[in-house]
PDB file of N, CA and C in Angstrom:
ATOM      1  N   MET A   1     -81.217  85.808-123.930  1.00  0.00           N
ATOM      2  CA  MET A   1     -80.081  86.681-124.011  1.00  0.00           C
ATOM      3  C   MET A   1     -79.075  86.273-125.038  1.00  0.00           C
ATOM      4  N   GLU A   2     -78.556  87.299-125.717  1.00  0.00           N
ATOM      5  CA  GLU A   2     -77.635  87.144-126.909  1.00  0.00           C
ATOM      6  C   GLU A   2     -76.270  86.378-126.433  1.00  0.00           C
ATOM      7  N   ASP A   3     -75.849  85.523-127.188  1.00  0.00           N
ATOM      8  CA  ASP A   3     -74.488  84.896-126.893  1.00  0.00           C
ATOM      9  C   ASP A   3     -73.406  85.796-127.164  1.00  0.00           C
ATOM     10  N   ARG A   4     -72.594  86.293-126.304  1.00  0.00           N
ATOM     11  CA  ARG A   4     -71.553  87.257-126.550  1.00  0.00           C
ATOM     12  C   ARG A   4     -70.354  86.657-127.143  1.00  0.00           C
ATOM     13  N   LYS A   5     -70.169  85.334-127.037  1.00  0.00           N
ATOM     14  CA  LYS A   5     -68.931  84.750-127.639  1.00  0.00           C
ATOM     15  C   LYS A   5     -68.764  84.919-129.113  1.00  0.00           C
ATOM     16  N   ASP A   6     -69.992  85.169-129.840  1.00  0.00           N
ATOM     17  CA  ASP A   6     -69.960  85.462-131.218  1.00  0.00           C
ATOM     18  C   ASP A   6     -69.259  86.771-131.603  1.00  0.00           C
ATOM     19  N   HIS A   7     -69.070  87.618-130.630  1.00  0.00           N
ATOM     20  CA  HIS A   7     -68.710  88.951-130.782  1.00  0.00           C
ATOM     21  C   HIS A   7     -67.166  89.168-130.317  1.00  0.00           C
ATOM     22  N   LEU A   8     -66.661  88.236-129.826  1.00  0.00           N
ATOM     23  CA  LEU A   8     -65.256  88.280-129.392  1.00  0.00           C
ATOM     24  C   LEU A   8     -64.181  88.265-130.418  1.00  0.00           C
ATOM     25  N   ARG A   9     -63.228  89.043-130.418  1.00  0.00           N
ATOM     26  CA  ARG A   9     -62.111  89.012-131.362  1.00  0.00           C
ATOM     27  C   ARG A   9     -60.840  89.110-130.718  1.00  0.00           C
ATOM     28  N   ARG A  10     -59.949  88.191-130.903  1.00  0.00           N
ATOM     29  CA  ARG A  10     -58.677  88.111-130.266  1.00  0.00           C
ATOM     30  C   ARG A  10     -57.735  89.012-131.064  1.00  0.00           C
ATOM     31  N   ILE A  11     -56.940  89.894-130.338  1.00  0.00           N
ATOM     32  CA  ILE A  11     -56.022  90.792-131.052  1.00  0.00           C
ATOM     33  C   ILE A  11     -54.700  90.498-130.387  1.00  0.00           C
ATOM     34  N   VAL A  12     -53.718  90.155-131.310  1.00  0.00           N
ATOM     35  CA  VAL A  12     -52.407  89.924-130.839  1.00  0.00           C
ATOM     36  C   VAL A  12     -51.339  90.791-131.426  1.00  0.00           C
ATOM     37  N   VAL A  13     -50.618  91.360-130.443  1.00  0.00           N
ATOM     38  CA  VAL A  13     -49.648  92.310-130.895  1.00  0.00           C
ATOM     39  C   VAL A  13     -48.302  91.844-130.341  1.00  0.00           C
ATOM     40  N   GLU A  14     -47.346  91.633-131.213  1.00  0.00           N
ATOM     41  CA  GLU A  14     -45.986  91.075-130.750  1.00  0.00           C
ATOM     42  C   GLU A  14     -44.986  92.231-130.814  1.00  0.00           C
ATOM     43  N   ALA A  15     -44.066  92.296-129.933  1.00  0.00           N
ATOM     44  CA  ALA A  15     -42.813  93.256-130.014  1.00  0.00           C
ATOM     45  C   ALA A  15     -41.657  92.549-129.630  1.00  0.00           C
ATOM     46  N   THR A  16     -40.408  92.918-130.178  1.00  0.00           N
ATOM     47  CA  THR A  16     -39.216  92.449-129.902  1.00  0.00           C
ATOM     48  C   THR A  16     -38.323  93.709-129.858  1.00  0.00           C
ATOM     49  N   ALA A  17     -37.589  93.840-128.633  1.00  0.00           N
ATOM     50  CA  ALA A  17     -36.774  94.996-128.537  1.00  0.00           C
ATOM     51  C   ALA A  17     -35.256  94.501-128.628  1.00  0.00           C
ATOM     52  N   THR A  18     -34.426  95.378-129.131  1.00  0.00           N
ATOM     53  CA  THR A  18     -32.908  95.097-129.041  1.00  0.00           C
ATOM     54  C   THR A  18     -32.272  96.434-128.741  1.00  0.00           C
ATOM     55  N   SER A  19     -31.144  96.276-128.141  1.00  0.00           N
ATOM     56  CA  SER A  19     -30.283  97.467-127.835  1.00  0.00           C
ATOM     57  C   SER A  19     -29.347  97.657-128.962  1.00  0.00           C
ATOM     58  N   ILE A  20     -29.305  98.949-129.329  1.00  0.00           N
ATOM     59  CA  ILE A  20     -28.469  99.438-130.386  1.00  0.00           C
ATOM     60  C   ILE A  20     -27.149  99.866-129.866  1.00  0.00           C
ATOM     61  N   GLU A  21     -27.266 100.913-128.917  1.00  0.00           N
ATOM     62  CA  GLU A  21     -26.100 101.402-128.170  1.00  0.00           C
ATOM     63  C   GLU A  21     -26.579 102.341-127.109  1.00  0.00           C
ATOM     64  N   LYS A  22     -25.852 102.380-126.117  1.00  0.00           N
ATOM     65  CA  LYS A  22     -26.184 103.204-124.865  1.00  0.00           C
ATOM     66  C   LYS A  22     -27.685 103.012-124.563  1.00  0.00           C
ATOM     67  N   TRP A  23     -28.434 104.132-124.572  1.00  0.00           N
ATOM     68  CA  TRP A  23     -29.930 104.041-124.213  1.00  0.00           C
ATOM     69  C   TRP A  23     -30.737 103.944-125.578  1.00  0.00           C
ATOM     70  N   ARG A  24     -30.116 103.863-126.718  1.00  0.00           N
ATOM     71  CA  ARG A  24     -30.835 103.643-127.931  1.00  0.00           C
ATOM     72  C   ARG A  24     -31.334 102.257-128.159  1.00  0.00           C
ATOM     73  N   LYS A  25     -32.595 102.113-128.457  1.00  0.00           N
ATOM     74  CA  LYS A  25     -33.207 100.843-128.631  1.00  0.00           C
ATOM     75  C   LYS A  25     -33.966 100.810-129.924  1.00  0.00           C
ATOM     76  N   GLN A  26     -34.218  99.547-130.517  1.00  0.00           N
ATOM     77  CA  GLN A  26     -35.108  99.349-131.660  1.00  0.00           C
ATOM     78  C   GLN A  26     -36.044  98.283-131.232  1.00  0.00           C
ATOM     79  N   VAL A  27     -37.272  98.548-131.567  1.00  0.00           N
ATOM     80  CA  VAL A  27     -38.401  97.602-131.371  1.00  0.00           C
ATOM     81  C   VAL A  27     -39.001  97.330-132.832  1.00  0.00           C
ATOM     82  N   ILE A  28     -39.307  95.996-133.028  1.00  0.00           N
ATOM     83  CA  ILE A  28     -40.015  95.639-134.156  1.00  0.00           C
ATOM     84  C   ILE A  28     -41.330  95.183-133.566  1.00  0.00           C
ATOM     85  N   ALA A  29     -42.382  95.639-133.997  1.00  0.00           N
ATOM     86  CA  ALA A  29     -43.759  95.303-133.435  1.00  0.00           C
ATOM     87  C   ALA A  29     -44.736  95.376-134.487  1.00  0.00           C
ATOM     88  N   GLY A  30     -45.820  94.488-134.300  1.00  0.00           N
ATOM     89  CA  GLY A  30     -46.933  94.442-135.234  1.00  0.00           C
ATOM     90  C   GLY A  30     -47.996  93.406-134.954  1.00  0.00           C
ATOM     91  N   GLN A  31     -48.859  93.207-135.711  1.00  0.00           N
ATOM     92  CA  GLN A  31     -49.956  92.167-135.584  1.00  0.00           C
ATOM     93  C   GLN A  31     -49.713  91.076-136.523  1.00  0.00           C
ATOM     94  N   PRO A  32     -49.320  89.943-136.059  1.00  0.00           N
ATOM     95  CA  PRO A  32     -48.977  88.711-136.845  1.00  0.00           C
ATOM     96  C   PRO A  32     -50.076  88.456-138.082  1.00  0.00           C
ATOM     97  N   GLU A  33     -51.383  88.609-137.424  1.00  0.00           N
ATOM     98  CA  GLU A  33     -52.404  88.238-138.573  1.00  0.00           C
ATOM     99  C   GLU A  33     -52.383  89.144-139.690  1.00  0.00           C
ATOM    100  N   THR A  34     -51.783  90.310-139.638  1.00  0.00           N
ATOM    101  CA  THR A  34     -51.754  91.214-140.892  1.00  0.00           C
ATOM    102  C   THR A  34     -50.569  91.034-141.704  1.00  0.00           C
ATOM    103  N   GLY A  35     -49.540  90.371-140.966  1.00  0.00           N
ATOM    104  CA  GLY A  35     -48.291  90.203-141.772  1.00  0.00           C
ATOM    105  C   GLY A  35     -47.343  91.439-141.912  1.00  0.00           C
ATOM    106  N   ARG A  36     -47.837  92.437-141.033  1.00  0.00           N
ATOM    107  CA  ARG A  36     -47.064  93.724-141.020  1.00  0.00           C
ATOM    108  C   ARG A  36     -46.333  93.920-139.779  1.00  0.00           C
ATOM    109  N   MET A  37     -45.027  94.378-139.896  1.00  0.00           N
ATOM    110  CA  MET A  37     -44.342  94.680-138.770  1.00  0.00           C
ATOM    111  C   MET A  37     -43.772  96.164-138.854  1.00  0.00           C
ATOM    112  N   PHE A  38     -43.491  96.843-137.873  1.00  0.00           N
ATOM    113  CA  PHE A  38     -43.036  98.207-137.883  1.00  0.00           C
ATOM    114  C   PHE A  38     -41.815  98.392-136.964  1.00  0.00           C
ATOM    115  N   ALA A  39     -40.827  99.277-137.423  1.00  0.00           N
ATOM    116  CA  ALA A  39     -39.741  99.447-136.656  1.00  0.00           C
ATOM    117  C   ALA A  39     -39.877 100.872-135.914  1.00  0.00           C
ATOM    118  N   PHE A  40     -39.432 100.888-134.579  1.00  0.00           N
ATOM    119  CA  PHE A  40     -39.468 102.072-133.792  1.00  0.00           C
ATOM    120  C   PHE A  40     -38.044 102.166-133.122  1.00  0.00           C
ATOM    121  N   ILE A  41     -37.416 103.317-133.120  1.00  0.00           N
ATOM    122  CA  ILE A  41     -36.169 103.649-132.576  1.00  0.00           C
ATOM    123  C   ILE A  41     -36.545 104.528-131.379  1.00  0.00           C
ATOM    124  N   SER A  42     -35.954 104.324-130.182  1.00  0.00           N
ATOM    125  CA  SER A  42     -36.101 105.215-129.053  1.00  0.00           C
ATOM    126  C   SER A  42     -34.716 105.572-128.450  1.00  0.00           C
ATOM    127  N   ASP A  43     -34.613 106.673-127.818  1.00  0.00           N
ATOM    128  CA  ASP A  43     -33.532 107.048-127.086  1.00  0.00           C
ATOM    129  C   ASP A  43     -33.949 107.948-125.950  1.00  0.00           C
ATOM    130  N   GLU A  44     -33.048 108.082-124.935  1.00  0.00           N
ATOM    131  CA  GLU A  44     -33.324 109.010-123.932  1.00  0.00           C
ATOM    132  C   GLU A  44     -32.527 110.259-124.223  1.00  0.00           C
ATOM    133  N   GLY A  45     -33.010 111.424-123.618  1.00  0.00           N
ATOM    134  CA  GLY A  45     -32.367 112.626-123.793  1.00  0.00           C
ATOM    135  C   GLY A  45     -30.997 112.658-123.027  1.00  0.00           C
ATOM    136  N   ASN A  46     -30.355 113.854-123.258  1.00  0.00           N
ATOM    137  CA  ASN A  46     -28.972 113.935-122.639  1.00  0.00           C
ATOM    138  C   ASN A  46     -29.132 114.186-121.156  1.00  0.00           C
ATOM    139  N   TYR A  47     -30.300 114.326-120.631  1.00  0.00           N
ATOM    140  CA  TYR A  47     -30.584 114.504-119.234  1.00  0.00           C
ATOM    141  C   TYR A  47     -30.331 113.216-118.379  1.00  0.00           C
ATOM    142  N   ILE A  48     -30.146 112.098-119.170  1.00  0.00           N
ATOM    143  CA  ILE A  48     -29.708 110.815-118.561  1.00  0.00           C
ATOM    144  C   ILE A  48     -28.390 110.454-119.030  1.00  0.00           C
ATOM    145  N   PRO A  49     -27.541 110.182-118.174  1.00  0.00           N
ATOM    146  CA  PRO A  49     -26.032 109.795-118.714  1.00  0.00           C
ATOM    147  C   PRO A  49     -26.166 108.736-119.727  1.00  0.00           C
ATOM    148  N   GLY A  50     -25.552 109.000-120.837  1.00  0.00           N
ATOM    149  CA  GLY A  50     -25.621 108.012-122.021  1.00  0.00           C
ATOM    150  C   GLY A  50     -26.744 108.164-123.083  1.00  0.00           C
ATOM    151  N   GLY A  51     -27.660 109.072-122.676  1.00  0.00           N
ATOM    152  CA  GLY A  51     -28.818 109.468-123.601  1.00  0.00           C
ATOM    153  C   GLY A  51     -28.308 110.519-124.549  1.00  0.00           C
ATOM    154  N   GLU A  52     -28.694 110.325-125.847  1.00  0.00           N
ATOM    155  CA  GLU A  52     -28.297 111.338-126.868  1.00  0.00           C
ATOM    156  C   GLU A  52     -29.376 112.133-127.662  1.00  0.00           C
ATOM    157  N   GLY A  53     -30.723 111.755-127.213  1.00  0.00           N
ATOM    158  CA  GLY A  53     -31.795 112.450-127.859  1.00  0.00           C
ATOM    159  C   GLY A  53     -31.842 112.256-129.349  1.00  0.00           C
ATOM    160  N   THR A  54     -31.498 111.190-129.884  1.00  0.00           N
ATOM    161  CA  THR A  54     -31.494 111.002-131.292  1.00  0.00           C
ATOM    162  C   THR A  54     -32.865 110.426-131.814  1.00  0.00           C
ATOM    163  N   ALA A  55     -33.787 110.189-130.841  1.00  0.00           N
ATOM    164  CA  ALA A  55     -35.106 109.588-131.209  1.00  0.00           C
ATOM    165  C   ALA A  55     -36.040 109.922-130.115  1.00  0.00           C
ATOM    166  N   PRO A  56     -37.291 109.724-130.303  1.00  0.00           N
ATOM    167  CA  PRO A  56     -38.374 110.006-129.138  1.00  0.00           C
ATOM    168  C   PRO A  56     -37.955 109.023-128.056  1.00  0.00           C
ATOM    169  N   THR A  57     -38.235 109.440-126.799  1.00  0.00           N
ATOM    170  CA  THR A  57     -38.141 108.563-125.735  1.00  0.00           C
ATOM    171  C   THR A  57     -39.174 107.471-125.655  1.00  0.00           C
ATOM    172  N   PRO A  58     -39.002 106.473-124.859  1.00  0.00           N
ATOM    173  CA  PRO A  58     -40.080 105.493-124.851  1.00  0.00           C
ATOM    174  C   PRO A  58     -41.366 106.054-124.140  1.00  0.00           C
ATOM    175  N   LEU A  59     -41.088 106.958-123.194  1.00  0.00           N
ATOM    176  CA  LEU A  59     -42.335 107.697-122.675  1.00  0.00           C
ATOM    177  C   LEU A  59     -43.189 108.456-123.676  1.00  0.00           C
ATOM    178  N   THR A  60     -42.395 109.170-124.735  1.00  0.00           N
ATOM    179  CA  THR A  60     -43.076 109.830-125.780  1.00  0.00           C
ATOM    180  C   THR A  60     -43.968 108.953-126.673  1.00  0.00           C
ATOM    181  N   TYR A  61     -43.441 107.586-126.938  1.00  0.00           N
ATOM    182  CA  TYR A  61     -44.191 106.647-127.675  1.00  0.00           C
ATOM    183  C   TYR A  61     -45.418 106.295-126.818  1.00  0.00           C
ATOM    184  N   PHE A  62     -45.211 106.049-125.650  1.00  0.00           N
ATOM    185  CA  PHE A  62     -46.382 105.553-124.702  1.00  0.00           C
ATOM    186  C   PHE A  62     -47.585 106.577-124.762  1.00  0.00           C
ATOM    187  N   VAL A  63     -47.074 107.844-124.416  1.00  0.00           N
ATOM    188  CA  VAL A  63     -48.151 108.917-124.413  1.00  0.00           C
ATOM    189  C   VAL A  63     -48.808 109.178-125.647  1.00  0.00           C
ATOM    190  N   SER A  64     -48.128 109.070-126.806  1.00  0.00           N
ATOM    191  CA  SER A  64     -48.610 109.262-128.138  1.00  0.00           C
ATOM    192  C   SER A  64     -49.654 108.215-128.397  1.00  0.00           C
ATOM    193  N   GLY A  65     -49.357 106.890-128.011  1.00  0.00           N
ATOM    194  CA  GLY A  65     -50.317 105.790-128.210  1.00  0.00           C
ATOM    195  C   GLY A  65     -51.523 106.042-127.437  1.00  0.00           C
ATOM    196  N   MET A  66     -51.508 106.648-126.203  1.00  0.00           N
ATOM    197  CA  MET A  66     -52.621 106.768-125.333  1.00  0.00           C
ATOM    198  C   MET A  66     -53.529 107.971-126.036  1.00  0.00           C
ATOM    199  N   ALA A  67     -52.750 108.912-126.732  1.00  0.00           N
ATOM    200  CA  ALA A  67     -53.572 109.934-127.442  1.00  0.00           C
ATOM    201  C   ALA A  67     -54.364 109.483-128.584  1.00  0.00           C
ATOM    202  N   LEU A  68     -53.835 108.390-129.298  1.00  0.00           N
ATOM    203  CA  LEU A  68     -54.567 107.883-130.375  1.00  0.00           C
ATOM    204  C   LEU A  68     -55.851 107.128-130.029  1.00  0.00           C
TER     205      LEU A  68
END
């Protein structure tokens, strides 16, 4: 039987979130091995007190990732 350990690849994704104001947040995320990091801004809609709808909601990002 073939040794499957030769086919394993470890994928690391790091993310750090900070609060900007009210429900608006920024996440810096990426894969350290590539040396690339990306910034994402999210906000809730005005249907939540304090939300202003200035950016996609966290749920929108999650669903978009699943679609990819």
